[in-house]
Structures are given as structure tokens and as C-alpha cells.
C-alpha atoms as a PDB file:
ATOM      1  CA  MET A   1      10.339  17.371   5.120  1.00  0.00           C
ATOM      2  CA  VAL A   2       7.809  19.724   3.457  1.00  0.00           C
ATOM      3  CA  LEU A   3       7.403  17.243   0.627  1.00  0.00           C
ATOM      4  CA  PHE A   4       6.838  14.468   3.301  1.00  0.00           C
ATOM      5  CA  LEU A   5       4.054  16.455   4.886  1.00  0.00           C
ATOM      6  CA  ILE A   6       2.440  17.350   1.539  1.00  0.00           C
ATOM      7  CA  VAL A   7       2.577  13.813   0.344  1.00  0.00           C
ATOM      8  CA  HIS A   8       1.258  12.287   3.504  1.00  0.00           C
ATOM      9  CA  PHE A   9      -1.624  14.678   3.967  1.00  0.00           C
ATOM     10  CA  PHE A  10      -2.618  14.536   0.333  1.00  0.00           C
ATOM     11  CA  GLN A  11      -2.667  10.706   0.586  1.00  0.00           C
ATOM     12  CA  ASP A  12      -4.659  10.904   3.745  1.00  0.00           C
ATOM     13  CA  TYR A  13      -7.204  13.253   2.181  1.00  0.00           C
ATOM     14  CA  PHE A  14      -7.540  11.147  -0.931  1.00  0.00           C
ATOM     15  CA  LEU A  15      -7.980   7.930   1.073  1.00  0.00           C
ATOM     16  CA  ASN A  16     -10.671   9.531   3.290  1.00  0.00           C
ATOM     17  CA  TYR A  17     -12.438  11.045   0.307  1.00  0.00           C
ATOM     18  CA  SER A  18     -12.532   7.756  -1.612  1.00  0.00           C
ATOM     19  CA  ASN A  19     -13.071   5.561   1.478  1.00  0.00           C
ATOM     20  CA  ALA A  20     -10.137   3.377   0.473  1.00  0.00           C
ATOM     21  CA  ILE A  21      -8.479   1.127   2.899  1.00  0.00           C
ATOM     22  CA  ILE A  22      -4.665   0.741   3.246  1.00  0.00           C
ATOM     23  CA  ARG A  23      -3.491  -2.287   5.125  1.00  0.00           C
ATOM     24  CA  PHE A  24      -0.117  -0.817   6.156  1.00  0.00           C
ATOM     25  CA  ASN A  25       0.932   2.357   7.905  1.00  0.00           C
ATOM     26  CA  LEU A  26       1.345   5.169   5.340  1.00  0.00           C
ATOM     27  CA  TRP A  27       3.030   7.423   7.899  1.00  0.00           C
ATOM     28  CA  ASP A  28       5.833   4.919   8.472  1.00  0.00           C
ATOM     29  CA  THR A  29       6.413   4.193   4.742  1.00  0.00           C
ATOM     30  CA  ASN A  30       6.419   7.869   3.803  1.00  0.00           C
ATOM     31  CA  LEU A  31       8.679   8.688   6.742  1.00  0.00           C
ATOM     32  CA  PHE A  32      11.098   5.956   5.636  1.00  0.00           C
ATOM     33  CA  PHE A  33      11.297   7.392   2.100  1.00  0.00           C
ATOM     34  CA  ALA A  34      11.793  10.946   3.422  1.00  0.00           C
ATOM     35  CA  VAL A  35      14.379  10.104   6.002  1.00  0.00           C
ATOM     36  CA  ALA A  36      16.346   7.760   3.684  1.00  0.00           C
ATOM     37  CA  SER A  37      16.443  10.444   1.060  1.00  0.00           C
ATOM     38  CA  LEU A  38      17.532  13.083   3.557  1.00  0.00           C
ATOM     39  CA  ILE A  39      20.267  10.796   4.970  1.00  0.00           C
ATOM     40  CA  ILE A  40      21.582  10.052   1.444  1.00  0.00           C
ATOM     41  CA  CYS A  41      21.633  13.747   0.470  1.00  0.00           C
ATOM     42  CA  VAL A  42      23.307  14.813   3.703  1.00  0.00           C
ATOM     43  CA  HIS A  43      25.993  12.096   3.333  1.00  0.00           C
ATOM     44  CA  LEU A  44      26.695  12.912  -0.257  1.00  0.00           C
ATOM     45  CA  LYS A  45      26.962  16.634   0.638  1.00  0.00           C
ATOM     46  CA  PHE A  46      29.431  15.640   3.340  1.00  0.00           C
ATOM     47  CA  PHE A  47      31.346  13.428   0.924  1.00  0.00           C
ATOM     48  CA  SER A  48      31.462  16.315  -1.613  1.00  0.00           C
ATOM     49  CA  THR A  49      33.697  18.258   0.850  1.00  0.00           C
ATOM     50  CA  MET A  50      36.338  15.542   0.637  1.00  0.00           C
ATOM     51  CA  LYS A  51      38.547  16.188  -2.412  1.00  0.00           C
ATOM     52  CA  ASN A  52      39.485  12.497  -2.890  1.00  0.00           C
ATOM     53  CA  LEU A  53      35.824  11.369  -3.017  1.00  0.00           C
ATOM     54  CA  GLN A  54      34.481  14.112  -5.290  1.00  0.00           C
ATOM     55  CA  PRO A  55      35.165  12.231  -8.592  1.00  0.00           C
ATOM     56  CA  GLN A  56      33.444   9.189  -7.128  1.00  0.00           C
ATOM     57  CA  LEU A  57      30.196  10.754  -5.852  1.00  0.00           C
ATOM     58  CA  GLY A  58      28.093   9.296  -8.720  1.00  0.00           C
ATOM     59  CA  PHE A  59      29.391   5.781  -7.975  1.00  0.00           C
ATOM     60  CA  ILE A  60      28.912   6.303  -4.277  1.00  0.00           C
ATOM     61  CA  TYR A  61      25.259   7.228  -4.889  1.00  0.00           C
ATOM     62  CA  LEU A  62      24.385   4.209  -7.011  1.00  0.00           C
ATOM     63  CA  PRO A  63      24.676   1.579  -4.181  1.00  0.00           C
ATOM     64  CA  THR A  64      22.504   3.696  -1.912  1.00  0.00           C
ATOM     65  CA  LEU A  65      19.455   2.826  -4.081  1.00  0.00           C
ATOM     66  CA  PHE A  66      20.112  -0.855  -3.551  1.00  0.00           C
ATOM     67  CA  ILE A  67      20.721  -0.432   0.218  1.00  0.00           C
ATOM     68  CA  LYS A  68      17.554   1.694   0.526  1.00  0.00           C
ATOM     69  CA  GLY A  69      15.620  -1.140  -1.147  1.00  0.00           C
ATOM     70  CA  ILE A  70      16.999  -3.698   1.154  1.00  0.00           C
ATOM     71  CA  LEU A  71      16.312  -1.591   4.296  1.00  0.00           C
ATOM     72  CA  PHE A  72      12.744  -0.994   3.071  1.00  0.00           C
ATOM     73  CA  PHE A  73      12.217  -4.729   2.624  1.00  0.00           C
ATOM     74  CA  ILE A  74      13.676  -5.444   6.091  1.00  0.00           C
ATOM     75  CA  MET A  75      11.634  -2.722   7.883  1.00  0.00           C
ATOM     76  CA  PHE A  76       8.300  -3.450   6.107  1.00  0.00           C
ATOM     77  CA  LYS A  77       8.568  -7.190   5.538  1.00  0.00           C
ATOM     78  CA  SER A  78       5.829  -7.981   7.977  1.00  0.00           C
ATOM     79  CA  SER A  79       3.473  -5.081   7.061  1.00  0.00           C
ATOM     80  CA  VAL A  80       3.817  -4.668   3.312  1.00  0.00           C
ATOM     81  CA  PHE A  81       5.556  -7.753   1.917  1.00  0.00           C
ATOM     82  CA  ASN A  82       3.500 -10.220   3.959  1.00  0.00           C
ATOM     83  CA  LEU A  83       0.330  -9.105   2.076  1.00  0.00           C
ATOM     84  CA  ASP A  84      -0.603 -11.637  -0.636  1.00  0.00           C
ATOM     85  CA  VAL A  85      -1.863  -9.126  -3.065  1.00  0.00           C
ATOM     86  CA  LEU A  86      -1.605  -5.321  -2.953  1.00  0.00           C
ATOM     87  CA  SER A  87      -4.630  -3.397  -4.269  1.00  0.00           C
ATOM     88  CA  THR A  88      -4.063  -0.710  -6.886  1.00  0.00           C
ATOM     89  CA  THR A  89      -4.633   1.990  -4.263  1.00  0.00           C
ATOM     90  CA  GLU A  90      -2.006   0.382  -1.953  1.00  0.00           C
ATOM     91  CA  ARG A  91       0.502   0.040  -4.869  1.00  0.00           C
ATOM     92  CA  LEU A  92      -0.015   3.707  -5.857  1.00  0.00           C
ATOM     93  CA  ASN A  93       0.374   4.780  -2.177  1.00  0.00           C
ATOM     94  CA  LEU A  94       3.803   3.091  -2.217  1.00  0.00           C
ATOM     95  CA  ILE A  95       4.990   3.953  -5.692  1.00  0.00           C
ATOM     96  CA  ILE A  96       4.034   7.656  -5.813  1.00  0.00           C
ATOM     97  CA  PRO A  97       6.003   8.635  -2.648  1.00  0.00           C
ATOM     98  CA  LEU A  98       8.893   6.436  -3.674  1.00  0.00           C
ATOM     99  CA  PHE A  99       9.217   8.298  -7.043  1.00  0.00           C
ATOM    100  CA  LEU A 100       8.605  11.719  -5.559  1.00  0.00           C
ATOM    101  CA  PHE A 101      11.317  11.317  -2.946  1.00  0.00           C
ATOM    102  CA  LEU A 102      13.631   9.633  -5.390  1.00  0.00           C
ATOM    103  CA  GLY A 103      13.144  12.499  -7.787  1.00  0.00           C
ATOM    104  CA  LEU A 104      13.909  15.016  -5.058  1.00  0.00           C
ATOM    105  CA  GLU A 105      16.941  13.068  -4.015  1.00  0.00           C
ATOM    106  CA  VAL A 106      18.291  12.934  -7.605  1.00  0.00           C
ATOM    107  CA  TYR A 107      17.671  16.598  -7.997  1.00  0.00           C
ATOM    108  CA  PHE A 108      19.761  17.421  -4.956  1.00  0.00           C
ATOM    109  CA  ILE A 109      22.491  14.937  -5.872  1.00  0.00           C
ATOM    110  CA  VAL A 110      22.758  16.454  -9.366  1.00  0.00           C
ATOM    111  CA  LYS A 111      23.093  19.930  -7.836  1.00  0.00           C
ATOM    112  CA  ILE A 112      25.882  18.670  -5.536  1.00  0.00           C
ATOM    113  CA  ILE A 113      27.786  17.013  -8.404  1.00  0.00           C
ATOM    114  CA  ARG A 114      27.353  20.018 -10.765  1.00  0.00           C
ATOM    115  CA  LYS A 115      28.611  22.361  -8.063  1.00  0.00           C
ATOM    116  CA  ILE A 116      31.793  20.243  -7.845  1.00  0.00           C
ATOM    117  CA  ASP A 117      32.369  20.241 -11.587  1.00  0.00           C
ATOM    118  CA  VAL A 118      32.188  24.020 -11.859  1.00  0.00           C
END
């Protein structure tokens, strides 16, 4: 959640400083990435406590990326995917939080899986 606040307020500061306009709600998209990553990490931590699922955690994680993409499309179809062309600023304000939260998510998943292997 700290990363969510840092990312959002950095984006807000940058957009105000450069007078850029974003045609979708940054708070909602950033919140989606943060909550989705949190849910995935919590579920995989829970699954790691089940002995029969421990060897399959990596395979359980892979479909979550696909599911997260589908949910993002469904939730933001009217606000992001209805736009004909995204400006470079808009693209960066979607891609950067996506990769930051994905990186944090992978970091925690790797920690969970390594803890099991030890």
C-alpha cells in the first residue's frame, strides 16, 4: 500500500508539474493494480500453507496474470479501452504502475516459493 501511495502521488505531482492531461482516473487504475497484487500475494501465501499445493504454487501464479489482465479490461473498458489513441503520458501512467506492482508481486511470490523450498 505504501508503493501505491508513492506511485500515485508521484504521478499526480508529475502531471501537475507538466500540465499533462490524463483522460482516465489514475486513482482507480493504480488502486486496481495494488489491490490485485495484494490479493494474489495473500492467496499464494495462504496456498503455501497447504502441503499438497506447495509444489504447484508457480503454476497457480501463472494464470493470475491472465485473470488480472481480463479483470483490468472488464473494469476499465469504458474509461481506458474506449479511447481511440492513448498519449505517451497516458501510456506511461498505465505501464509504470503495472510493472512496479508486478515486480513487487513477483518479489513476494519468489520469497514465498523459496521459503517452501528451504
